[in-house]
Amino acid sequence: MAKSTTAYIGLGSNLGDRKANIDSALKMLAGSEHIEVTRTSDLIETAPLGGADQPGYLNAVAEIETTLSPQDLHGIMAETETSLGRVRKEKWSPRTIDLDLLLFGQDVINSPDLTVPHPQMHLRSFVLKGLVPLNGDLVHPVLAEPVTELAARLNGCDFILNPSLPQLISIAGIIGVGKTTLAKKLSDELGCKILLEPYDTNPFMPEVYAGKKELALDSQIYFLTGRLAQLNRNALAPGRIAVSDYIFDKEPIYARRLLDSEQLALYEKLYQPFCTEVASPVLVIYLQDSPEKCLQRIHDRNHPYEQQIEPQFLEALNSDYEELFADWNTCPAIRLSTSQLNYTESNAVENLANQVKCYIAGDGK
């Protein structure tokens, strides 16, 4: 008796009677003696990817049991599309039906005609929202993470890989959480450019932490201009990987905490034009740890200008970061506890780097 494999198929339609198209596709798949459609997700309304000017999609995910090989199953899926009037044009063109083989057991397939897992399923909330109710514990065979975790990284958004943009990976988190350490190790693993905050060259910051609030605006502007020089779209090459130990979006957090009302009003006028000039990250790694542990690291590294930092300040920053990432929709965000990163394990950063590669376009070389 042939071995049965659990597989998952994504279905989408944005032409004609979309629900009827999906229902017909499921019926045709179930009509094969080698395929049993065991469960299907609810229908999900989705905007077209890439900002395309076309009708919205209905999407769903089907769980099946099959004795077919992945190649033969893929062939039946293509025949089903053709039978239902699928016309193959350019990428992301409208279609009566679209069937994607998302997962085939734990198989990893990279052939000219078939890639499994689907190479961008981890970037599609509409796919992961369909998978989670069917099997939330399902582990992606390449990323080695459950689909619930992959869905959480997208915060309900859908993303595409775009090689025409700088492949900027930004590491976020409060002072003392370990951003610079991770940035250095990750850039070494990826063999890419690293962008570090110019803490040691900022002449105003020690004075600010010492209590000279009148210099706080000077300090923030120093950081702002430095970030523009590092993250300017013209300074980062399209398609090339870079790792930064900060995110530009944190700037208002520190400005609101360190500046008085008059300074903040002036700062905000300067900040907005800068936003249009900097490259957005394609992936953020949000490092988290307790303010108490972060304060201990600050004391241990013994930078003189940081020794005045108080627990209440770190707690406030922690709340600000949580608020920022509660509504984060710029790119996928991997939340990672510092305690999960054991740098004494030789493959800890390597495993993270392998995940990062799934969120960037091309090889970044």
Protein backbone atom coordinates (compact mmCIF):
# COMPACT_ATOMS: atom_id res chain seq x y z
CA MET A 1 0.00 0.00 0.00
CA ALA A 2 1.39 3.42 -0.97
CA LYS A 3 2.43 5.71 1.85
CA SER A 4 0.05 8.59 2.62
CA THR A 5 1.44 12.07 3.23
CA THR A 6 -0.24 15.10 4.78
CA ALA A 7 0.13 18.11 2.52
CA TYR A 8 -1.21 21.66 2.51
CA ILE A 9 -2.44 23.57 -0.53
CA GLY A 10 -3.09 27.30 -0.78
CA LEU A 11 -6.05 28.37 -2.91
CA GLY A 12 -6.79 31.85 -4.24
CA SER A 13 -9.15 33.50 -6.72
CA ASN A 14 -9.84 37.08 -7.76
CA LEU A 15 -11.80 36.69 -11.01
CA GLY A 16 -15.41 35.65 -11.51
CA ASP A 17 -17.29 33.91 -8.71
CA ARG A 18 -14.32 33.55 -6.40
CA LYS A 19 -15.95 31.27 -3.82
CA ALA A 20 -17.34 29.02 -6.55
CA ASN A 21 -13.87 28.80 -8.13
CA ILE A 22 -12.33 27.68 -4.84
CA ASP A 23 -15.14 25.22 -4.17
CA SER A 24 -14.73 23.77 -7.67
CA ALA A 25 -10.98 23.39 -7.22
CA LEU A 26 -11.47 21.54 -3.93
CA LYS A 27 -14.07 19.28 -5.53
CA MET A 28 -11.77 18.45 -8.44
CA LEU A 29 -8.87 17.68 -6.10
CA ALA A 30 -11.08 15.46 -3.95
CA GLY A 31 -12.21 13.68 -7.13
CA SER A 32 -8.79 12.10 -7.50
CA GLU A 33 -8.59 8.61 -6.02
CA HIS A 34 -5.17 9.54 -4.65
CA ILE A 35 -6.25 12.70 -2.79
CA GLU A 36 -8.48 13.11 0.25
CA VAL A 37 -9.33 16.69 1.25
CA THR A 38 -9.53 16.35 5.02
CA ARG A 39 -10.04 19.96 6.16
CA THR A 40 -10.20 23.47 4.77
CA SER A 41 -9.74 26.83 6.44
CA ASP A 42 -12.20 29.69 6.42
CA LEU A 43 -12.10 31.98 3.40
CA ILE A 44 -9.89 35.05 3.84
CA GLU A 45 -10.29 38.30 1.89
CA THR A 46 -6.90 39.62 0.76
CA ALA A 47 -5.64 42.66 -1.12
CA PRO A 48 -3.49 41.91 -4.21
CA LEU A 49 0.23 41.66 -3.53
CA GLY A 50 2.61 44.32 -4.74
CA GLY A 51 -0.07 47.02 -4.87
CA ALA A 52 -1.43 45.62 -8.13
CA ASP A 53 -4.49 47.34 -9.58
CA GLN A 54 -6.83 44.34 -9.71
CA PRO A 55 -9.72 42.81 -7.75
CA GLY A 56 -9.20 41.50 -4.24
CA TYR A 57 -8.62 37.82 -3.57
CA LEU A 58 -10.42 35.15 -1.65
CA ASN A 59 -7.91 32.74 -0.16
CA ALA A 60 -8.06 29.48 1.74
CA VAL A 61 -5.82 26.60 2.78
CA ALA A 62 -6.70 22.93 2.35
CA GLU A 63 -5.23 20.02 4.27
CA ILE A 64 -5.05 16.83 2.24
CA GLU A 65 -3.90 13.24 2.53
CA THR A 66 -2.30 11.90 -0.62
CA THR A 67 -0.43 8.85 -1.88
CA LEU A 68 0.94 10.87 -4.79
CA SER A 69 4.50 12.08 -5.07
CA PRO A 70 4.91 15.87 -4.66
CA GLN A 71 5.63 16.17 -8.39
CA ASP A 72 2.50 14.22 -9.37
CA LEU A 73 0.38 16.20 -6.92
CA HIS A 74 1.75 19.43 -8.38
CA GLY A 75 0.82 18.18 -11.84
CA ILE A 76 -2.79 17.52 -10.81
CA MET A 77 -2.95 20.98 -9.25
CA ALA A 78 -1.78 22.54 -12.55
CA GLU A 79 -4.38 20.54 -14.48
CA THR A 80 -7.07 21.74 -12.07
CA GLU A 81 -6.04 25.36 -12.63
CA THR A 82 -6.19 24.92 -16.40
CA SER A 83 -9.61 23.24 -16.20
CA LEU A 84 -10.95 26.20 -14.24
CA GLY A 85 -9.74 28.76 -16.79
CA ARG A 86 -6.42 29.82 -15.28
CA VAL A 87 -4.51 31.89 -17.86
CA ARG A 88 -0.80 32.07 -17.09
CA LYS A 89 0.50 35.60 -17.67
CA GLU A 90 3.01 37.70 -15.81
CA LYS A 91 3.64 37.26 -12.09
CA TRP A 92 0.76 38.32 -9.83
CA SER A 93 -1.66 38.72 -12.73
CA PRO A 94 -5.39 38.18 -11.98
CA ARG A 95 -6.51 34.58 -12.05
CA THR A 96 -9.68 32.52 -11.71
CA ILE A 97 -7.84 30.07 -9.51
CA ASP A 98 -4.35 29.76 -8.09
CA LEU A 99 -3.16 26.59 -6.34
CA ASP A 100 0.15 26.52 -4.44
CA LEU A 101 1.71 23.48 -2.81
CA LEU A 102 2.68 24.95 0.54
CA LEU A 103 3.96 21.92 2.42
CA PHE A 104 4.37 18.22 1.63
CA GLY A 105 5.02 16.50 4.93
CA GLN A 106 8.45 17.66 6.03
CA ASP A 107 9.92 17.38 2.53
CA VAL A 108 12.27 20.07 1.23
CA ILE A 109 12.30 20.21 -2.58
CA ASN A 110 14.30 22.57 -4.77
CA SER A 111 13.88 21.70 -8.43
CA PRO A 112 13.36 23.83 -11.56
CA ASP A 113 9.64 23.04 -11.53
CA LEU A 114 8.82 22.80 -7.85
CA THR A 115 9.95 24.41 -4.59
CA VAL A 116 8.59 23.07 -1.30
CA PRO A 117 7.97 24.56 1.21
CA HIS A 118 6.48 27.37 -0.85
CA PRO A 119 9.36 29.89 -0.89
CA GLN A 120 7.33 32.86 0.36
CA MET A 121 4.58 31.27 2.46
CA HIS A 122 6.23 32.62 5.64
CA LEU A 123 5.69 36.16 4.29
CA ARG A 124 1.94 35.72 3.70
CA SER A 125 -0.44 36.29 6.58
CA PHE A 126 -3.32 35.04 4.49
CA VAL A 127 -1.55 31.68 4.13
CA LEU A 128 -0.50 31.42 7.77
CA LYS A 129 -3.95 32.48 9.01
CA GLY A 130 -5.32 29.55 7.06
CA LEU A 131 -2.69 27.10 8.35
CA VAL A 132 -2.84 28.01 12.03
CA PRO A 133 -6.45 26.83 12.65
CA LEU A 134 -5.73 23.61 10.77
CA ASN A 135 -2.49 22.81 12.60
CA GLY A 136 -0.90 25.58 14.66
CA ASP A 137 1.92 23.29 15.82
CA LEU A 138 2.97 22.54 12.24
CA VAL A 139 6.71 23.22 11.92
CA HIS A 140 8.16 24.81 8.79
CA PRO A 141 10.82 22.35 7.56
CA VAL A 142 13.34 25.05 6.60
CA LEU A 143 12.75 27.75 9.23
CA ALA A 144 12.22 25.11 11.96
CA GLU A 145 9.54 27.28 13.58
CA PRO A 146 5.82 26.55 14.12
CA VAL A 147 3.40 28.38 11.85
CA THR A 148 1.98 30.22 14.87
CA GLU A 149 5.39 31.87 15.38
CA LEU A 150 5.76 32.65 11.68
CA ALA A 151 2.31 34.28 11.68
CA ALA A 152 3.17 36.39 14.73
CA ARG A 153 6.21 37.80 12.91
CA LEU A 154 3.95 39.35 10.25
CA ASN A 155 1.46 41.06 12.58
CA GLY A 156 -1.35 40.46 10.08
CA CYS A 157 0.53 41.91 7.08
CA ASP A 158 1.71 40.40 3.80
CA PHE A 159 5.19 41.06 2.40
CA ILE A 160 7.15 40.39 -0.77
CA LEU A 161 10.86 39.93 -1.42
CA ASN A 162 12.17 42.88 -3.42
CA PRO A 163 15.78 42.62 -4.68
CA SER A 164 15.70 46.24 -5.90
CA LEU A 165 15.77 47.45 -2.27
CA PRO A 166 18.68 47.40 0.19
CA GLN A 167 18.39 44.21 2.24
CA LEU A 168 18.66 45.95 5.60
CA ILE A 169 18.34 43.83 8.74
CA SER A 170 17.87 46.00 11.84
CA ILE A 171 18.20 44.85 15.43
CA ALA A 172 15.96 46.61 17.94
CA GLY A 173 15.70 46.68 21.72
CA ILE A 174 16.41 48.74 24.80
CA ILE A 175 19.88 49.78 26.00
CA GLY A 176 21.86 46.82 27.31
CA VAL A 177 19.83 44.08 25.63
CA GLY A 178 22.72 42.98 23.40
CA LYS A 179 21.99 44.55 20.01
CA THR A 180 25.60 45.31 19.09
CA THR A 181 26.86 41.87 20.08
CA LEU A 182 24.23 40.19 17.92
CA ALA A 183 24.77 42.61 15.02
CA LYS A 184 28.49 41.84 14.93
CA LYS A 185 27.99 38.09 15.09
CA LEU A 186 25.21 38.13 12.52
CA SER A 187 27.17 40.29 10.07
CA ASP A 188 30.13 37.91 10.42
CA GLU A 189 27.87 34.94 9.72
CA LEU A 190 26.26 36.61 6.70
CA GLY A 191 29.48 38.19 5.47
CA CYS A 192 27.84 41.59 5.12
CA LYS A 193 28.22 45.25 6.01
CA ILE A 194 27.56 46.33 9.60
CA LEU A 195 26.19 49.70 10.72
CA LEU A 196 26.79 50.58 14.37
CA GLU A 197 25.41 53.44 16.42
CA PRO A 198 28.09 56.13 16.94
CA TYR A 199 27.79 56.17 20.73
CA ASP A 200 31.47 56.67 21.41
CA THR A 201 31.78 59.60 19.02
CA ASN A 202 28.76 61.54 20.26
CA PRO A 203 30.31 64.41 22.26
CA PHE A 204 27.00 65.44 23.84
CA MET A 205 25.64 62.16 25.21
CA PRO A 206 27.89 61.86 28.30
CA GLU A 207 26.87 65.39 29.27
CA VAL A 208 23.19 64.59 28.78
CA TYR A 209 23.38 61.46 30.93
CA ALA A 210 25.24 63.57 33.51
CA GLY A 211 22.20 65.84 33.74
CA LYS A 212 22.85 68.64 31.23
CA LYS A 213 19.41 68.52 29.60
CA GLU A 214 20.13 71.66 27.58
CA LEU A 215 22.41 69.50 25.39
CA ALA A 216 19.83 66.78 24.80
CA LEU A 217 18.69 68.26 21.50
CA ASP A 218 22.30 68.49 20.26
CA SER A 219 22.79 64.83 21.14
CA GLN A 220 19.63 63.71 19.35
CA ILE A 221 20.46 65.73 16.24
CA TYR A 222 23.96 64.21 16.23
CA PHE A 223 22.42 60.74 16.19
CA LEU A 224 19.82 61.76 13.60
CA THR A 225 22.36 63.06 11.10
CA GLY A 226 24.58 60.04 11.69
CA ARG A 227 21.72 57.65 10.99
CA LEU A 228 20.85 59.49 7.80
CA ALA A 229 24.44 59.08 6.60
CA GLN A 230 24.36 55.34 7.38
CA LEU A 231 20.83 54.47 6.25
CA ASN A 232 20.41 56.82 3.31
CA ARG A 233 19.00 54.91 0.35
CA ASN A 234 21.88 56.15 -1.78
CA ALA A 235 24.42 54.80 0.70
CA LEU A 236 23.02 51.25 0.75
CA ALA A 237 23.24 49.23 -2.45
CA PRO A 238 20.08 47.58 -3.81
CA GLY A 239 20.05 43.86 -3.12
CA ARG A 240 23.02 43.98 -0.73
CA ILE A 241 22.70 42.87 2.89
CA ALA A 242 23.53 45.21 5.76
CA VAL A 243 22.98 44.73 9.50
CA SER A 244 22.38 47.67 11.84
CA ASP A 245 22.33 47.54 15.64
CA TYR A 246 19.39 49.95 15.77
CA ILE A 247 16.18 50.87 13.95
CA PHE A 248 15.58 54.37 12.72
CA ASP A 249 12.01 54.23 14.05
CA LYS A 250 13.28 54.33 17.63
CA GLU A 251 14.33 57.97 17.26
CA PRO A 252 11.03 59.47 18.50
CA ILE A 253 11.13 57.14 21.52
CA TYR A 254 14.36 58.63 22.83
CA ALA A 255 13.43 62.15 21.77
CA ARG A 256 10.22 62.02 23.79
CA ARG A 257 12.09 60.70 26.82
CA LEU A 258 15.06 63.08 26.73
CA LEU A 259 13.83 66.39 25.27
CA ASP A 260 11.69 69.10 26.80
CA SER A 261 8.61 70.33 24.93
CA GLU A 262 10.38 73.10 23.02
CA GLN A 263 13.28 70.86 22.03
CA LEU A 264 10.88 68.11 20.97
CA ALA A 265 8.86 70.47 18.76
CA LEU A 266 12.01 71.51 16.90
CA TYR A 267 13.29 67.94 16.71
CA GLU A 268 10.05 66.66 15.17
CA LYS A 269 10.32 69.25 12.39
CA LEU A 270 13.78 67.92 11.57
CA TYR A 271 12.86 64.26 11.95
CA GLN A 272 10.04 64.03 9.41
CA PRO A 273 12.08 64.97 6.29
CA PHE A 274 14.76 62.49 7.36
CA CYS A 275 12.18 59.66 7.35
CA THR A 276 11.73 59.95 3.60
CA GLU A 277 15.46 59.57 2.95
CA VAL A 278 16.33 56.45 4.94
CA ALA A 279 15.96 52.85 3.78
CA SER A 280 13.39 50.76 5.60
CA PRO A 281 14.49 47.38 6.97
CA VAL A 282 13.32 44.21 5.25
CA LEU A 283 13.56 42.40 8.60
CA VAL A 284 13.76 43.46 12.23
CA ILE A 285 15.06 41.29 15.04
CA TYR A 286 13.51 42.64 18.24
CA LEU A 287 15.71 41.57 21.15
CA GLN A 288 13.98 41.44 24.52
CA ASP A 289 15.06 40.97 28.11
CA SER A 290 14.04 42.32 31.48
CA PRO A 291 15.14 45.89 32.31
CA GLU A 292 16.87 44.47 35.40
CA LYS A 293 19.11 42.18 33.35
CA CYS A 294 19.80 44.94 30.83
CA LEU A 295 20.84 47.28 33.65
CA GLN A 296 23.22 44.61 34.94
CA ARG A 297 24.83 44.37 31.50
CA ILE A 298 25.16 48.16 31.39
CA HIS A 299 26.99 48.09 34.71
CA ASP A 300 29.16 45.17 33.64
CA ARG A 301 30.37 46.83 30.43
CA ASN A 302 31.15 49.93 32.49
CA HIS A 303 30.82 52.72 29.96
CA PRO A 304 31.13 55.78 32.22
CA TYR A 305 28.40 57.80 30.51
CA GLU A 306 25.86 54.96 31.01
CA GLN A 307 26.32 54.51 34.73
CA GLN A 308 23.72 57.20 35.49
CA ILE A 309 20.95 55.21 33.75
CA GLU A 310 18.24 54.27 36.21
CA PRO A 311 15.85 51.28 36.18
CA GLN A 312 12.83 53.52 35.64
CA PHE A 313 14.30 54.86 32.41
CA LEU A 314 14.83 51.34 31.03
CA GLU A 315 11.33 50.31 32.08
CA ALA A 316 9.90 53.31 30.24
CA LEU A 317 11.93 52.49 27.13
CA ASN A 318 10.75 48.89 27.32
CA SER A 319 7.12 50.07 27.33
CA ASP A 320 7.81 52.37 24.39
CA TYR A 321 9.33 49.56 22.34
CA GLU A 322 6.40 47.28 23.11
CA GLU A 323 4.03 49.99 21.91
CA LEU A 324 6.07 50.46 18.72
CA PHE A 325 6.03 46.77 17.85
CA ALA A 326 2.40 46.22 18.78
CA ASP A 327 1.46 48.01 15.54
CA TRP A 328 4.60 47.24 13.52
CA ASN A 329 3.82 46.79 9.81
CA THR A 330 7.01 47.86 8.01
CA CYS A 331 8.47 44.36 7.64
CA PRO A 332 8.52 41.00 9.42
CA ALA A 333 9.76 41.19 13.01
CA ILE A 334 11.38 38.30 14.86
CA ARG A 335 10.94 38.66 18.61
CA LEU A 336 13.83 37.00 20.35
CA SER A 337 14.69 36.78 24.02
CA THR A 338 18.35 37.37 24.75
CA SER A 339 18.22 34.26 26.93
CA GLN A 340 17.39 32.24 23.79
CA LEU A 341 20.72 33.24 22.24
CA ASN A 342 23.43 31.12 23.81
CA TYR A 343 26.54 32.40 22.05
CA THR A 344 28.56 29.56 23.53
CA GLU A 345 26.67 27.21 21.23
CA SER A 346 28.50 27.21 17.91
CA ASN A 347 25.35 27.02 15.81
CA ALA A 348 23.22 29.58 17.69
CA VAL A 349 23.93 32.53 15.36
CA GLU A 350 24.23 30.23 12.34
CA ASN A 351 20.66 29.00 12.90
CA LEU A 352 19.40 32.57 13.20
CA ALA A 353 21.32 33.59 10.06
CA ASN A 354 19.70 30.73 8.14
CA GLN A 355 16.29 32.06 9.16
CA VAL A 356 17.27 35.59 8.16
CA LYS A 357 18.15 34.36 4.66
CA CYS A 358 14.51 33.36 4.16
CA TYR A 359 13.43 36.98 4.67
CA ILE A 360 15.83 38.66 2.24
CA ALA A 361 15.82 38.77 -1.55
CA GLY A 362 18.59 36.96 -3.38
CA ASP A 363 21.91 36.02 -1.87
CA GLY A 364 22.86 39.61 -1.03
CA LYS A 365 26.29 39.25 -2.60
